[in-house]
Amino acid sequence: MLDLKQLQYFIVSAETGSFSEAAGILYTTQSNVSKAIKTLEKTVGATLFVRQPRGIVLTAHGKHVYKYACKIMDDVGMLKDFSRTGEVEWLNISCNPSSWFANRFVEFYNQHYDENIHCQIYNASVANIMKRVRDFKDDLGFVYVMDSQKAAFQYALARNNLEFVALIHVDAILYLGQAHPFYKEKIINQAELKKLRYIQSYQDEFTENNYWAVKDGSGQILTKMDVAVVTNSDYIMERMLTKSRLANISGNYLSYDEQQAVDGGIPLEQDDSQVIFGYLKREGEALAATAAVFAEFIEKSLENQPGYIR
């Protein structure tokens, strides 16, 4: 029978690569850790570690057990959190990195401050947001998805029993850093496009970073993007666009500070480079009260914008 303490000892041992170091972290003895691991190996019927002169490493089977052990301990942690929060309703949401969304969240929280709302907000890729909503870690997941990736995205939704509520189409914009010699230009030729190096947000299966078709004024396509920096930090994005020659391609959802840094950018105006923004929810499941209020707030923030869908 599996014991949570055995899983805890196993996870810490795997992450430290040492039974003795794990014992120190767990305030127990190396003998107790070794015994727990041996019992766990007997339970799962496989060797989990290879003992080496400089420590221990997971076997192939051990790597699989580690993956599921971590998920079990995460789920146990969530159950403990539920017991601590009692009757308090939490708004759990995840989103792609977006200054626009961050500003809307601040507005929402300030409007509802007196209601003592409790919130957890998490930045992640589209694929990870799908998993978080599917696994009940979040009520809602807000994502940006390329129009050209809709078929693959819909397939992934069906596999994870999720629904997508589309809210708005946004255009693709090429932003040049202030140190770039073509900063403030409204057109850029093919030769200069090929020289560009980019700072992009998460490289994601469904979002823009892998699928932009950048064209110059004559319709020629720049087929390869040289992504030099990948970040999930709005601060890094804003500083790099202010202080460097790097370019960025995004939907037109940068924050005010970021848009000031790049002076509006160059609209690409291509049908295959549009981005759909909306939210994920579990299929056939009604939203909790606070989640429904937040989803309505985000939609109302967009309803007077060009490209609004609903």
Protein backbone atom coordinates (compact mmCIF):
# COMPACT_ATOMS: atom_id res chain seq x y z
CA MET A 1 0.00 0.00 0.00
CA LEU A 2 1.33 3.44 -0.93
CA ASP A 3 2.23 5.80 1.89
CA LEU A 4 2.39 9.57 1.40
CA LYS A 5 5.56 9.78 3.47
CA GLN A 6 7.23 7.24 1.15
CA LEU A 7 6.28 9.42 -1.84
CA GLN A 8 7.63 12.51 -0.12
CA TYR A 9 10.93 10.78 0.69
CA PHE A 10 11.12 9.48 -2.89
CA ILE A 11 10.49 12.89 -4.48
CA VAL A 12 13.06 14.71 -2.32
CA SER A 13 15.63 11.96 -2.93
CA ALA A 14 15.05 12.20 -6.69
CA GLU A 15 15.41 15.98 -6.66
CA THR A 16 18.55 16.06 -4.51
CA GLY A 17 20.21 12.95 -5.96
CA SER A 18 21.22 11.88 -2.45
CA PHE A 19 19.57 9.91 0.37
CA SER A 20 21.68 11.72 2.97
CA GLU A 21 20.80 15.18 1.61
CA ALA A 22 17.14 14.21 1.44
CA ALA A 23 17.31 13.07 5.08
CA GLY A 24 18.69 16.46 6.11
CA ILE A 25 15.91 18.31 4.30
CA LEU A 26 13.23 16.03 5.76
CA TYR A 27 14.65 16.09 9.33
CA THR A 28 15.06 12.35 9.50
CA THR A 29 17.86 9.80 9.14
CA GLN A 30 19.39 8.38 5.98
CA SER A 31 18.38 4.93 7.22
CA ASN A 32 14.71 5.97 7.36
CA VAL A 33 14.87 7.39 3.84
CA SER A 34 16.53 4.22 2.50
CA LYS A 35 13.92 2.02 4.17
CA ALA A 36 11.08 4.10 2.75
CA ILE A 37 12.53 3.87 -0.76
CA LYS A 38 13.01 0.08 -0.48
CA THR A 39 9.40 -0.32 0.67
CA LEU A 40 8.18 1.85 -2.22
CA GLU A 41 10.26 -0.17 -4.70
CA LYS A 42 8.69 -3.37 -3.33
CA THR A 43 5.19 -1.84 -3.68
CA VAL A 44 5.65 -0.77 -7.31
CA GLY A 45 7.67 -3.87 -8.18
CA ALA A 46 10.61 -2.08 -9.75
CA THR A 47 13.95 -0.49 -8.93
CA LEU A 48 13.56 3.28 -8.76
CA PHE A 49 17.17 4.43 -8.33
CA VAL A 50 20.57 3.44 -9.63
CA ARG A 51 23.17 3.82 -6.88
CA GLN A 52 26.33 5.51 -8.12
CA PRO A 53 29.55 6.60 -6.35
CA ARG A 54 28.48 10.25 -6.40
CA GLY A 55 24.81 9.77 -5.57
CA ILE A 56 21.63 8.29 -6.98
CA VAL A 57 19.80 8.72 -10.30
CA LEU A 58 16.31 7.66 -11.34
CA THR A 59 15.87 4.57 -13.46
CA ALA A 60 13.55 4.73 -16.48
CA HIS A 61 10.77 3.27 -14.31
CA GLY A 62 11.70 5.67 -11.54
CA LYS A 63 11.15 8.64 -13.85
CA HIS A 64 7.57 7.48 -14.53
CA VAL A 65 6.89 6.96 -10.83
CA TYR A 66 8.35 10.40 -10.05
CA LYS A 67 5.95 12.05 -12.50
CA TYR A 68 2.89 10.46 -10.88
CA ALA A 69 4.20 10.89 -7.33
CA CYS A 70 4.50 14.64 -7.91
CA LYS A 71 0.94 14.80 -9.22
CA ILE A 72 -0.36 12.88 -6.20
CA MET A 73 1.42 15.20 -3.77
CA ASP A 74 0.15 18.26 -5.68
CA ASP A 75 -3.41 16.95 -5.41
CA VAL A 76 -2.97 16.28 -1.68
CA GLY A 77 -1.75 19.85 -1.28
CA MET A 78 -4.85 21.15 -3.05
CA LEU A 79 -7.09 19.13 -0.71
CA LYS A 80 -5.31 20.68 2.28
CA ASP A 81 -5.81 24.13 0.78
CA PHE A 82 -9.54 23.44 0.39
CA SER A 83 -9.79 22.48 4.05
CA ARG A 84 -7.97 25.65 5.14
CA THR A 85 -10.10 28.00 3.04
CA GLY A 86 -13.40 26.64 4.38
CA GLU A 87 -16.34 28.54 2.92
CA VAL A 88 -14.23 31.20 1.18
CA GLU A 89 -14.78 31.12 -2.59
CA TRP A 90 -11.58 31.42 -4.60
CA LEU A 91 -11.25 32.69 -8.15
CA ASN A 92 -8.58 30.50 -9.75
CA ILE A 93 -7.51 31.63 -13.22
CA SER A 94 -4.57 31.19 -15.57
CA CYS A 95 -3.58 33.17 -18.63
CA ASN A 96 -0.93 33.68 -21.27
CA PRO A 97 1.47 36.49 -20.32
CA SER A 98 -0.32 39.73 -21.27
CA SER A 99 -0.02 43.24 -19.89
CA TRP A 100 -3.53 44.01 -21.13
CA PHE A 101 -4.96 41.12 -19.11
CA ALA A 102 -2.91 42.06 -16.05
CA ASN A 103 -4.38 45.58 -16.14
CA ARG A 104 -7.92 44.21 -16.43
CA PHE A 105 -7.35 41.90 -13.46
CA VAL A 106 -6.21 44.84 -11.31
CA GLU A 107 -9.33 46.80 -12.32
CA PHE A 108 -11.58 43.86 -11.47
CA TYR A 109 -9.98 43.30 -8.08
CA ASN A 110 -10.23 46.97 -7.15
CA GLN A 111 -13.90 47.05 -8.11
CA HIS A 112 -14.63 44.04 -5.88
CA TYR A 113 -12.19 44.81 -3.07
CA ASP A 114 -14.91 45.24 -0.42
CA GLU A 115 -16.29 41.77 -1.23
CA ASN A 116 -13.07 40.21 0.10
CA ILE A 117 -12.53 38.10 -3.04
CA HIS A 118 -9.67 35.60 -2.88
CA CYS A 119 -7.81 35.02 -6.14
CA GLN A 120 -5.04 32.89 -7.57
CA ILE A 121 -3.67 33.90 -10.99
CA TYR A 122 -1.07 31.90 -12.90
CA ASN A 123 0.84 32.63 -16.14
CA ALA A 124 1.43 29.65 -18.44
CA SER A 125 1.46 28.38 -22.03
CA VAL A 126 -1.78 27.35 -23.76
CA ALA A 127 -1.00 23.65 -23.32
CA ASN A 128 -0.34 24.07 -19.59
CA ILE A 129 -3.44 26.21 -19.14
CA MET A 130 -5.49 23.43 -20.75
CA LYS A 131 -4.09 20.94 -18.21
CA ARG A 132 -4.72 23.28 -15.27
CA VAL A 133 -8.37 23.85 -16.21
CA ARG A 134 -8.89 20.16 -17.04
CA ASP A 135 -7.40 19.10 -13.68
CA PHE A 136 -9.55 21.57 -11.68
CA LYS A 137 -6.59 23.73 -10.67
CA ASP A 138 -8.22 26.72 -12.37
CA ASP A 139 -11.81 27.72 -13.09
CA LEU A 140 -10.91 29.65 -16.25
CA GLY A 141 -7.95 29.86 -18.60
CA PHE A 142 -7.51 32.91 -20.84
CA VAL A 143 -5.49 32.27 -24.01
CA TYR A 144 -4.37 33.77 -27.31
CA VAL A 145 -4.53 31.32 -30.23
CA MET A 146 -3.45 31.76 -33.85
CA ASP A 147 -6.29 31.62 -36.38
CA SER A 148 -4.16 29.23 -38.43
CA GLN A 149 -4.00 26.80 -35.48
CA LYS A 150 -7.74 26.55 -34.81
CA ALA A 151 -8.08 22.95 -36.06
CA ALA A 152 -5.27 21.62 -33.84
CA PHE A 153 -6.57 23.70 -30.95
CA GLN A 154 -10.11 22.33 -31.30
CA TYR A 155 -8.75 18.77 -31.36
CA ALA A 156 -6.84 19.41 -28.12
CA LEU A 157 -9.98 20.91 -26.54
CA ALA A 158 -12.00 17.79 -27.36
CA ARG A 159 -9.32 15.49 -25.93
CA ASN A 160 -9.32 17.43 -22.66
CA ASN A 161 -13.12 17.86 -22.40
CA LEU A 162 -12.85 21.63 -22.56
CA GLU A 163 -14.84 24.43 -24.18
CA PHE A 164 -13.41 27.64 -25.67
CA VAL A 165 -15.37 30.88 -25.58
CA ALA A 166 -13.92 33.18 -28.27
CA LEU A 167 -14.14 36.90 -27.45
CA ILE A 168 -12.14 38.91 -29.99
CA HIS A 169 -9.86 38.79 -33.03
CA VAL A 170 -6.76 40.96 -32.76
CA ASP A 171 -4.32 41.94 -35.49
CA ALA A 172 -0.65 41.03 -35.65
CA ILE A 173 1.78 43.90 -35.11
CA LEU A 174 5.54 44.02 -35.78
CA TYR A 175 7.22 46.10 -33.06
CA LEU A 176 10.80 47.37 -33.43
CA GLY A 177 12.94 48.26 -30.43
CA GLN A 178 13.82 51.91 -29.95
CA ALA A 179 17.49 51.25 -30.71
CA HIS A 180 16.65 49.80 -34.12
CA PRO A 181 17.45 52.16 -37.04
CA PHE A 182 13.96 51.57 -38.54
CA TYR A 183 12.17 52.44 -35.28
CA LYS A 184 9.04 54.55 -36.06
CA GLU A 185 9.03 53.45 -39.72
CA LYS A 186 5.68 52.16 -41.04
CA ILE A 187 7.14 49.77 -43.62
CA ILE A 188 10.22 47.58 -43.68
CA ASN A 189 11.79 45.85 -46.69
CA GLN A 190 12.61 42.16 -47.12
CA ALA A 191 16.35 42.60 -46.61
CA GLU A 192 15.84 44.30 -43.25
CA LEU A 193 13.17 41.77 -42.21
CA LYS A 194 15.69 38.98 -42.65
CA LYS A 195 18.10 40.72 -40.29
CA LEU A 196 15.62 41.11 -37.44
CA ARG A 197 16.10 39.29 -34.16
CA TYR A 198 13.11 38.92 -31.86
CA ILE A 199 12.08 38.88 -28.25
CA GLN A 200 8.93 36.79 -27.86
CA SER A 201 6.78 35.50 -25.06
CA TYR A 202 6.25 31.77 -24.39
CA GLN A 203 6.95 29.63 -27.44
CA ASP A 204 3.74 27.69 -27.55
CA GLU A 205 2.11 25.09 -29.77
CA PHE A 206 -0.97 27.24 -30.41
CA THR A 207 0.24 30.82 -30.07
CA GLU A 208 1.99 33.19 -32.36
CA ASN A 209 5.67 32.55 -31.85
CA ASN A 210 6.01 29.64 -34.24
CA TYR A 211 3.52 30.59 -36.94
CA TRP A 212 3.80 34.23 -37.98
CA ALA A 213 3.98 34.74 -41.75
CA VAL A 214 5.74 38.10 -41.87
CA LYS A 215 5.38 39.87 -45.21
CA ASP A 216 6.79 43.09 -46.57
CA GLY A 217 4.86 45.64 -48.65
CA SER A 218 5.22 43.55 -51.82
CA GLY A 219 3.75 40.45 -50.17
CA GLN A 220 7.02 38.52 -49.88
CA ILE A 221 7.23 36.24 -46.85
CA LEU A 222 9.93 36.15 -44.21
CA THR A 223 9.88 32.41 -43.49
CA LYS A 224 12.12 32.19 -40.43
CA MET A 225 12.11 34.19 -37.23
CA ASP A 226 15.35 34.47 -35.27
CA VAL A 227 13.97 34.43 -31.71
CA ALA A 228 16.89 35.55 -29.56
CA VAL A 229 15.04 35.99 -26.23
CA VAL A 230 12.00 34.16 -24.84
CA THR A 231 10.37 35.60 -21.71
CA ASN A 232 7.15 35.58 -19.71
CA SER A 233 8.05 38.90 -18.07
CA ASP A 234 6.30 42.09 -19.15
CA TYR A 235 9.11 44.05 -17.49
CA ILE A 236 11.80 42.30 -19.54
CA MET A 237 9.74 42.79 -22.70
CA GLU A 238 9.27 46.52 -22.05
CA ARG A 239 12.94 47.10 -21.12
CA MET A 240 14.28 45.20 -24.12
CA LEU A 241 12.00 47.04 -26.54
CA THR A 242 13.05 50.34 -24.96
CA LYS A 243 16.79 49.70 -24.77
CA SER A 244 17.65 47.22 -27.55
CA ARG A 245 17.34 46.56 -31.29
CA LEU A 246 15.22 43.44 -30.83
CA ALA A 247 11.80 43.25 -32.49
CA ASN A 248 8.60 41.64 -31.28
CA ILE A 249 5.51 40.29 -33.04
CA SER A 250 2.34 40.21 -30.96
CA GLY A 251 -1.35 40.78 -31.20
CA ASN A 252 -2.24 44.41 -30.50
CA TYR A 253 -2.57 43.76 -26.77
CA LEU A 254 0.62 45.23 -25.33
CA SER A 255 0.28 47.45 -22.27
CA TYR A 256 0.32 51.24 -22.52
CA ASP A 257 3.96 51.36 -21.36
CA GLU A 258 5.00 48.71 -23.89
CA GLN A 259 3.13 50.45 -26.72
CA GLN A 260 4.82 53.72 -25.80
CA ALA A 261 8.16 51.91 -25.98
CA VAL A 262 7.57 50.79 -29.57
CA ASP A 263 5.56 53.73 -30.95
CA GLY A 264 2.61 51.74 -32.27
CA GLY A 265 4.44 49.22 -34.46
CA ILE A 266 3.83 48.08 -38.06
CA PRO A 267 0.44 46.35 -38.65
CA LEU A 268 0.89 43.12 -40.63
CA GLU A 269 -2.77 43.03 -41.75
CA GLN A 270 -2.76 39.38 -42.83
CA ASP A 271 -5.71 37.04 -42.36
CA ASP A 272 -3.48 34.09 -41.40
CA SER A 273 -1.71 36.17 -38.74
CA GLN A 274 -4.77 37.09 -36.67
CA VAL A 275 -5.03 35.98 -33.08
CA ILE A 276 -8.17 34.82 -31.26
CA PHE A 277 -8.49 35.74 -27.59
CA GLY A 278 -10.95 33.98 -25.28
CA TYR A 279 -11.24 31.66 -22.31
CA LEU A 280 -11.26 27.94 -21.58
CA LYS A 281 -13.69 26.21 -19.25
CA ARG A 282 -14.57 22.62 -18.49
CA GLU A 283 -17.12 21.23 -20.96
CA GLY A 284 -20.73 21.20 -19.80
CA GLU A 285 -19.89 22.66 -16.38
CA ALA A 286 -21.41 25.89 -15.06
CA LEU A 287 -18.91 28.44 -13.81
CA ALA A 288 -18.71 29.25 -10.12
CA ALA A 289 -20.29 32.60 -9.24
CA THR A 290 -17.07 34.65 -8.99
CA ALA A 291 -15.59 33.04 -12.12
CA ALA A 292 -18.76 33.91 -14.07
CA VAL A 293 -18.58 37.53 -12.87
CA PHE A 294 -14.93 37.78 -13.91
CA ALA A 295 -15.59 36.27 -17.36
CA GLU A 296 -18.41 38.81 -17.88
CA PHE A 297 -16.09 41.64 -16.77
CA ILE A 298 -13.42 40.64 -19.33
CA GLU A 299 -16.04 40.39 -22.08
CA LYS A 300 -17.45 43.83 -21.29
CA SER A 301 -13.91 45.24 -21.45
CA LEU A 302 -13.76 44.10 -25.09
CA GLU A 303 -17.26 44.64 -26.45
CA ASN A 304 -16.53 48.07 -27.97
CA GLN A 305 -13.22 46.99 -29.51
CA PRO A 306 -12.73 46.20 -33.24
CA GLY A 307 -12.80 42.44 -33.80
CA TYR A 308 -15.20 41.70 -30.92
CA ILE A 309 -16.86 38.33 -31.63
CA ARG A 310 -19.62 37.71 -29.12
